[in-house]
Each structure stands twice: as C-alpha cells, then as structure tokens.
C-alpha atoms as a PDB file:
ATOM      1  CA  UNK A   1       0.267  -0.061  -0.141  1.00  0.00           C
ATOM      2  CA  UNK A   2       1.343   3.000  -1.054  1.00  0.00           C
ATOM      3  CA  UNK A   3       2.080   6.077   1.879  1.00  0.00           C
ATOM      4  CA  UNK A   4      -0.497   8.205  -0.173  1.00  0.00           C
ATOM      5  CA  UNK A   5      -3.228   5.494   0.750  1.00  0.00           C
ATOM      6  CA  UNK A   6      -2.359   5.060   4.526  1.00  0.00           C
ATOM      7  CA  UNK A   7      -4.104   6.481   7.054  1.00  0.00           C
ATOM      8  CA  UNK A   8      -2.486   9.083   9.663  1.00  0.00           C
ATOM      9  CA  UNK A   9      -2.272   7.877  13.117  1.00  0.00           C
ATOM     10  CA  UNK A  10      -0.639  10.038  16.046  1.00  0.00           C
ATOM     11  CA  UNK A  11       2.649   8.925  17.239  1.00  0.00           C
ATOM     12  CA  UNK A  12       0.929   8.155  20.777  1.00  0.00           C
ATOM     13  CA  UNK A  13      -1.568   6.007  19.371  1.00  0.00           C
ATOM     14  CA  UNK A  14       0.859   4.234  17.533  1.00  0.00           C
ATOM     15  CA  UNK A  15       3.002   3.578  20.747  1.00  0.00           C
ATOM     16  CA  UNK A  16      -0.140   2.501  22.573  1.00  0.00           C
ATOM     17  CA  UNK A  17      -1.167   0.339  20.010  1.00  0.00           C
ATOM     18  CA  UNK A  18       2.146  -1.274  19.561  1.00  0.00           C
ATOM     19  CA  UNK A  19       2.216  -2.013  23.293  1.00  0.00           C
ATOM     20  CA  UNK A  20      -1.239  -3.641  23.431  1.00  0.00           C
ATOM     21  CA  UNK A  21       0.058  -5.789  20.482  1.00  0.00           C
ATOM     22  CA  UNK A  22       3.192  -6.896  22.006  1.00  0.00           C
ATOM     23  CA  UNK A  23       1.376  -7.538  25.249  1.00  0.00           C
ATOM     24  CA  UNK A  24      -1.537  -9.739  23.410  1.00  0.00           C
ATOM     25  CA  UNK A  25       1.388 -11.645  21.606  1.00  0.00           C
ATOM     26  CA  UNK A  26       3.423 -12.000  25.275  1.00  0.00           C
ATOM     27  CA  UNK A  27       0.028 -13.579  26.502  1.00  0.00           C
ATOM     28  CA  UNK A  28      -0.416 -15.931  23.952  1.00  0.00           C
ATOM     29  CA  UNK A  29       1.425 -18.957  25.756  1.00  0.00           C
ATOM     30  CA  UNK A  30      -0.302 -18.161  28.817  1.00  0.00           C
ATOM     31  CA  UNK A  31      -3.676 -18.824  26.937  1.00  0.00           C
ATOM     32  CA  UNK A  32      -2.302 -21.787  25.418  1.00  0.00           C
ATOM     33  CA  UNK A  33      -1.234 -23.118  28.425  1.00  0.00           C
ATOM     34  CA  UNK A  34      -4.897 -22.205  29.645  1.00  0.00           C
ATOM     35  CA  UNK A  35      -6.480 -24.242  27.183  1.00  0.00           C
ATOM     36  CA  UNK A  36      -4.566 -27.354  27.521  1.00  0.00           C
ATOM     37  CA  UNK A  37      -4.852 -27.184  31.339  1.00  0.00           C
ATOM     38  CA  UNK A  38      -8.912 -26.613  30.658  1.00  0.00           C
ATOM     39  CA  UNK A  39      -8.455 -29.677  28.315  1.00  0.00           C
ATOM     40  CA  UNK A  40      -7.380 -32.194  30.486  1.00  0.00           C
ATOM     41  CA  UNK A  41     -10.436 -31.532  32.769  1.00  0.00           C
ATOM     42  CA  UNK A  42     -12.346 -33.684  30.605  1.00  0.00           C
ATOM     43  CA  UNK A  43     -15.481 -33.657  28.626  1.00  0.00           C
ATOM     44  CA  UNK A  44     -14.970 -30.724  26.398  1.00  0.00           C
ATOM     45  CA  UNK A  45     -18.832 -30.687  25.584  1.00  0.00           C
ATOM     46  CA  UNK A  46     -19.390 -29.749  29.017  1.00  0.00           C
ATOM     47  CA  UNK A  47     -16.298 -27.907  29.903  1.00  0.00           C
ATOM     48  CA  UNK A  48     -17.168 -24.340  30.557  1.00  0.00           C
ATOM     49  CA  UNK A  49     -13.644 -23.556  31.638  1.00  0.00           C
ATOM     50  CA  UNK A  50     -12.241 -24.954  28.093  1.00  0.00           C
ATOM     51  CA  UNK A  51     -14.868 -22.770  26.111  1.00  0.00           C
ATOM     52  CA  UNK A  52     -14.120 -19.745  28.177  1.00  0.00           C
ATOM     53  CA  UNK A  53     -10.651 -20.030  27.205  1.00  0.00           C
ATOM     54  CA  UNK A  54     -10.986 -20.428  23.505  1.00  0.00           C
ATOM     55  CA  UNK A  55     -13.427 -17.774  23.562  1.00  0.00           C
ATOM     56  CA  UNK A  56     -10.479 -15.388  25.227  1.00  0.00           C
ATOM     57  CA  UNK A  57      -8.034 -16.695  22.693  1.00  0.00           C
ATOM     58  CA  UNK A  58     -10.756 -16.118  19.481  1.00  0.00           C
ATOM     59  CA  UNK A  59     -11.152 -12.581  20.886  1.00  0.00           C
ATOM     60  CA  UNK A  60      -7.233 -11.677  21.601  1.00  0.00           C
ATOM     61  CA  UNK A  61      -6.371 -13.074  18.508  1.00  0.00           C
ATOM     62  CA  UNK A  62      -8.977 -11.031  16.245  1.00  0.00           C
ATOM     63  CA  UNK A  63      -7.778  -8.036  18.302  1.00  0.00           C
ATOM     64  CA  UNK A  64      -3.754  -9.058  17.278  1.00  0.00           C
ATOM     65  CA  UNK A  65      -5.133  -9.212  13.579  1.00  0.00           C
ATOM     66  CA  UNK A  66      -7.086  -6.007  14.233  1.00  0.00           C
ATOM     67  CA  UNK A  67      -4.144  -4.087  15.437  1.00  0.00           C
ATOM     68  CA  UNK A  68      -1.783  -5.363  12.893  1.00  0.00           C
ATOM     69  CA  UNK A  69      -4.078  -4.300  10.226  1.00  0.00           C
ATOM     70  CA  UNK A  70      -4.258  -0.862  11.702  1.00  0.00           C
ATOM     71  CA  UNK A  71      -0.503  -0.711  12.104  1.00  0.00           C
ATOM     72  CA  UNK A  72       0.305  -1.829   8.664  1.00  0.00           C
ATOM     73  CA  UNK A  73      -2.150   0.372   6.909  1.00  0.00           C
ATOM     74  CA  UNK A  74      -1.140   3.549   9.005  1.00  0.00           C
ATOM     75  CA  UNK A  75       1.604   6.021   8.815  1.00  0.00           C
ATOM     76  CA  UNK A  76       2.560   8.650  11.333  1.00  0.00           C
ATOM     77  CA  UNK A  77       4.270  10.832   8.975  1.00  0.00           C
ATOM     78  CA  UNK A  78       3.269  14.242   7.976  1.00  0.00           C
ATOM     79  CA  UNK A  79       5.291  15.502   5.366  1.00  0.00           C
ATOM     80  CA  UNK A  80       1.979  16.398   3.199  1.00  0.00           C
ATOM     81  CA  UNK A  81       0.816  18.292   6.628  1.00  0.00           C
ATOM     82  CA  UNK A  82       1.235  21.973   5.926  1.00  0.00           C
ATOM     83  CA  UNK A  83       0.463  24.636   8.029  1.00  0.00           C
ATOM     84  CA  UNK A  84      -2.735  26.599   7.033  1.00  0.00           C
ATOM     85  CA  UNK A  85      -4.233  23.592   4.980  1.00  0.00           C
ATOM     86  CA  UNK A  86      -6.598  21.067   6.307  1.00  0.00           C
ATOM     87  CA  UNK A  87      -5.026  17.722   5.390  1.00  0.00           C
ATOM     88  CA  UNK A  88      -4.891  14.273   7.106  1.00  0.00           C
ATOM     89  CA  UNK A  89      -2.712  14.634  10.076  1.00  0.00           C
ATOM     90  CA  UNK A  90      -4.201  18.334  10.503  1.00  0.00           C
ATOM     91  CA  UNK A  91      -5.713  19.573  13.757  1.00  0.00           C
ATOM     92  CA  UNK A  92      -8.606  21.993  12.065  1.00  0.00           C
ATOM     93  CA  UNK A  93     -10.171  24.695  14.192  1.00  0.00           C
ATOM     94  CA  UNK A  94     -13.878  25.769  12.393  1.00  0.00           C
ATOM     95  CA  UNK A  95     -16.953  27.117  13.070  1.00  0.00           C
ATOM     96  CA  UNK A  96     -20.302  26.429  11.689  1.00  0.00           C
ATOM     97  CA  UNK A  97     -22.758  28.259   9.681  1.00  0.00           C
ATOM     98  CA  UNK A  98     -21.326  31.844   9.990  1.00  0.00           C
ATOM     99  CA  UNK A  99     -21.560  31.543  13.918  1.00  0.00           C
ATOM    100  CA  UNK A 100     -17.882  32.137  15.426  1.00  0.00           C
ATOM    101  CA  UNK A 101     -19.483  31.042  18.157  1.00  0.00           C
ATOM    102  CA  UNK A 102     -20.193  27.519  17.307  1.00  0.00           C
ATOM    103  CA  UNK A 103     -16.331  26.499  17.363  1.00  0.00           C
ATOM    104  CA  UNK A 104     -15.172  23.065  16.870  1.00  0.00           C
ATOM    105  CA  UNK A 105     -11.757  21.874  16.960  1.00  0.00           C
ATOM    106  CA  UNK A 106     -11.008  18.314  15.422  1.00  0.00           C
ATOM    107  CA  UNK A 107      -8.353  15.974  13.812  1.00  0.00           C
ATOM    108  CA  UNK A 108      -8.520  14.829  10.275  1.00  0.00           C
ATOM    109  CA  UNK A 109      -7.817  11.142  10.554  1.00  0.00           C
ATOM    110  CA  UNK A 110      -9.322   7.326  11.258  1.00  0.00           C
ATOM    111  CA  UNK A 111     -10.537   6.855  14.675  1.00  0.00           C
ATOM    112  CA  UNK A 112      -7.374   4.846  15.039  1.00  0.00           C
ATOM    113  CA  UNK A 113      -5.625   8.272  14.938  1.00  0.00           C
ATOM    114  CA  UNK A 114      -7.335   9.303  17.635  1.00  0.00           C
ATOM    115  CA  UNK A 115      -4.992  11.323  20.088  1.00  0.00           C
ATOM    116  CA  UNK A 116      -4.945  10.818  23.750  1.00  0.00           C
ATOM    117  CA  UNK A 117      -6.741  14.060  24.586  1.00  0.00           C
ATOM    118  CA  UNK A 118     -10.436  13.213  25.209  1.00  0.00           C
ATOM    119  CA  UNK A 119     -11.195  17.022  23.961  1.00  0.00           C
ATOM    120  CA  UNK A 120      -9.947  16.249  20.592  1.00  0.00           C
ATOM    121  CA  UNK A 121     -12.518  14.902  18.537  1.00  0.00           C
ATOM    122  CA  UNK A 122     -11.090  12.474  15.353  1.00  0.00           C
ATOM    123  CA  UNK A 123     -13.388  12.907  12.088  1.00  0.00           C
ATOM    124  CA  UNK A 124     -11.903  10.288   8.666  1.00  0.00           C
ATOM    125  CA  UNK A 125     -11.402  12.212   5.817  1.00  0.00           C
ATOM    126  CA  UNK A 126     -14.357  10.173   4.552  1.00  0.00           C
ATOM    127  CA  UNK A 127     -16.898  11.407   6.533  1.00  0.00           C
ATOM    128  CA  UNK A 128     -18.945  14.683   5.321  1.00  0.00           C
ATOM    129  CA  UNK A 129     -17.293  16.993   7.228  1.00  0.00           C
ATOM    130  CA  UNK A 130     -13.833  15.244   6.627  1.00  0.00           C
ATOM    131  CA  UNK A 131     -14.192  15.243   2.967  1.00  0.00           C
ATOM    132  CA  UNK A 132     -15.428  19.232   3.031  1.00  0.00           C
ATOM    133  CA  UNK A 133     -12.708  20.463   4.527  1.00  0.00           C
ATOM    134  CA  UNK A 134      -9.920  18.138   3.059  1.00  0.00           C
ATOM    135  CA  UNK A 135      -7.663  20.552   1.279  1.00  0.00           C
ATOM    136  CA  UNK A 136      -9.310  23.977   2.630  1.00  0.00           C
ATOM    137  CA  UNK A 137      -7.147  26.864   3.792  1.00  0.00           C
ATOM    138  CA  UNK A 138      -7.463  29.044   6.639  1.00  0.00           C
ATOM    139  CA  UNK A 139     -10.291  31.590   5.903  1.00  0.00           C
ATOM    140  CA  UNK A 140     -12.239  29.415   3.304  1.00  0.00           C
ATOM    141  CA  UNK A 141     -15.893  28.237   3.549  1.00  0.00           C
ATOM    142  CA  UNK A 142     -17.246  24.890   2.356  1.00  0.00           C
ATOM    143  CA  UNK A 143     -20.493  23.248   2.437  1.00  0.00           C
ATOM    144  CA  UNK A 144     -21.749  19.612   3.209  1.00  0.00           C
ATOM    145  CA  UNK A 145     -24.486  17.628   3.730  1.00  0.00           C
ATOM    146  CA  UNK A 146     -25.148  16.387   7.023  1.00  0.00           C
ATOM    147  CA  UNK A 147     -26.671  12.988   7.717  1.00  0.00           C
ATOM    148  CA  UNK A 148     -30.080  14.405   8.519  1.00  0.00           C
ATOM    149  CA  UNK A 149     -29.818  16.117   5.157  1.00  0.00           C
ATOM    150  CA  UNK A 150     -29.529  19.685   6.006  1.00  0.00           C
ATOM    151  CA  UNK A 151     -26.459  21.717   4.170  1.00  0.00           C
ATOM    152  CA  UNK A 152     -23.971  23.015   6.572  1.00  0.00           C
ATOM    153  CA  UNK A 153     -21.365  25.730   6.184  1.00  0.00           C
ATOM    154  CA  UNK A 154     -17.959  25.347   7.599  1.00  0.00           C
ATOM    155  CA  UNK A 155     -15.219  27.663   7.967  1.00  0.00           C
ATOM    156  CA  UNK A 156     -11.819  27.037   8.494  1.00  0.00           C
ATOM    157  CA  UNK A 157     -10.071  29.256  11.235  1.00  0.00           C
ATOM    158  CA  UNK A 158      -6.695  27.181  11.365  1.00  0.00           C
ATOM    159  CA  UNK A 159      -5.251  24.206  10.380  1.00  0.00           C
ATOM    160  CA  UNK A 160      -1.904  23.020  11.749  1.00  0.00           C
ATOM    161  CA  UNK A 161       0.171  19.381  11.621  1.00  0.00           C
ATOM    162  CA  UNK A 162      -0.947  17.445  15.080  1.00  0.00           C
ATOM    163  CA  UNK A 163       0.976  18.313  18.277  1.00  0.00           C
ATOM    164  CA  UNK A 164      -0.055  16.523  21.145  1.00  0.00           C
ATOM    165  CA  UNK A 165       0.918  19.480  23.023  1.00  0.00           C
ATOM    166  CA  UNK A 166      -1.458  22.019  21.835  1.00  0.00           C
ATOM    167  CA  UNK A 167      -3.807  20.027  19.775  1.00  0.00           C
ATOM    168  CA  UNK A 168      -6.767  21.077  21.648  1.00  0.00           C
ATOM    169  CA  UNK A 169      -5.938  24.910  21.821  1.00  0.00           C
ATOM    170  CA  UNK A 170      -7.165  26.717  19.016  1.00  0.00           C
ATOM    171  CA  UNK A 171      -5.300  29.807  17.679  1.00  0.00           C
ATOM    172  CA  UNK A 172      -6.431  33.253  17.566  1.00  0.00           C
ATOM    173  CA  UNK A 173      -8.304  34.122  14.794  1.00  0.00           C
ATOM    174  CA  UNK A 174      -7.510  37.702  13.550  1.00  0.00           C
END
C-alpha cells in the first residue's frame, strides 16, 4: 500500500497500539496453557472453562489481527501536512454556518488516529465533514450535507500539523 493511501495515526496512538499488540502476543503461551489445562479436565462438550479459554483466545487473536492491520495501513509521517491547509494529520479549528461562537476543533484522520486528548474529536477524511474540509485553506468556507440532509457551511479558522501538546488549543483567529 502506498504511503499516500495510508491512514494517519498520532505517534502516541501508534505507541499505544504497539504496546497492546506486544502484550497480546506475549500472552499467547499463557492462553494456550490455559486451554490445555482446561482440556485435561475432561469432556469438552460440558467444559465451560475450556469454552471460556477458547473464546478468550479467539478474542485476543481477533484483536491482534485488527491492531496489525491498523499498524500496517497507518503512518505517523506528516510530510504532506502544511500549516494553514486542512489535510489528513491536521488539527483543524472551524466554525459553522457563519456563527463564530459555534467553534469546533478536530483531527482529520481515522478513529485509530484519535489522540489521548479526550477534548479532540477525530473525523475521517471520508466523513461528510472531513471530506468537505480536506484541502481547504484558512479562511475558506465549504459546505457539506449532514446525515440529516441539512446543508452545513464550515469555515476554517486554522489548520496545523498535529502536536499533542497543543492539539486542542485553537489559535486566535484575527
């Protein structure tokens, strides 16, 4: 998959996913031992402990696969992120329908890109809002259709490369 098609995730999210993946991989022998232990208890048809251990193994293997796919299709590189232009990996400060009091700050990227900052929403570039602002410059107003069918205008106040230290702090729009 080319870098241009990779989804942006924050460095913090990448580290968190890698740590979770390593922990799950390290648990494989423990889960396998649990399954073997439960198997030795007797009839597998009526062995709830065995069933529970197998279900845990299935869930952990599914999570390993999910994390591996996210990491394989993700990048923390922001070489295409330019100050003042809303692109994947940008923190964007906007207001809606001409009302400068109705402001929002968000990261453009996948849900997997979501930062540790609980105040910073993440919108996919495929979402109506994300698609509408993609490529927009500061001061530019764009429109998109909300899921309820209403047309919403969104004005870019600022767009800047993601920085965990200042991601949720909007610049003043003078």
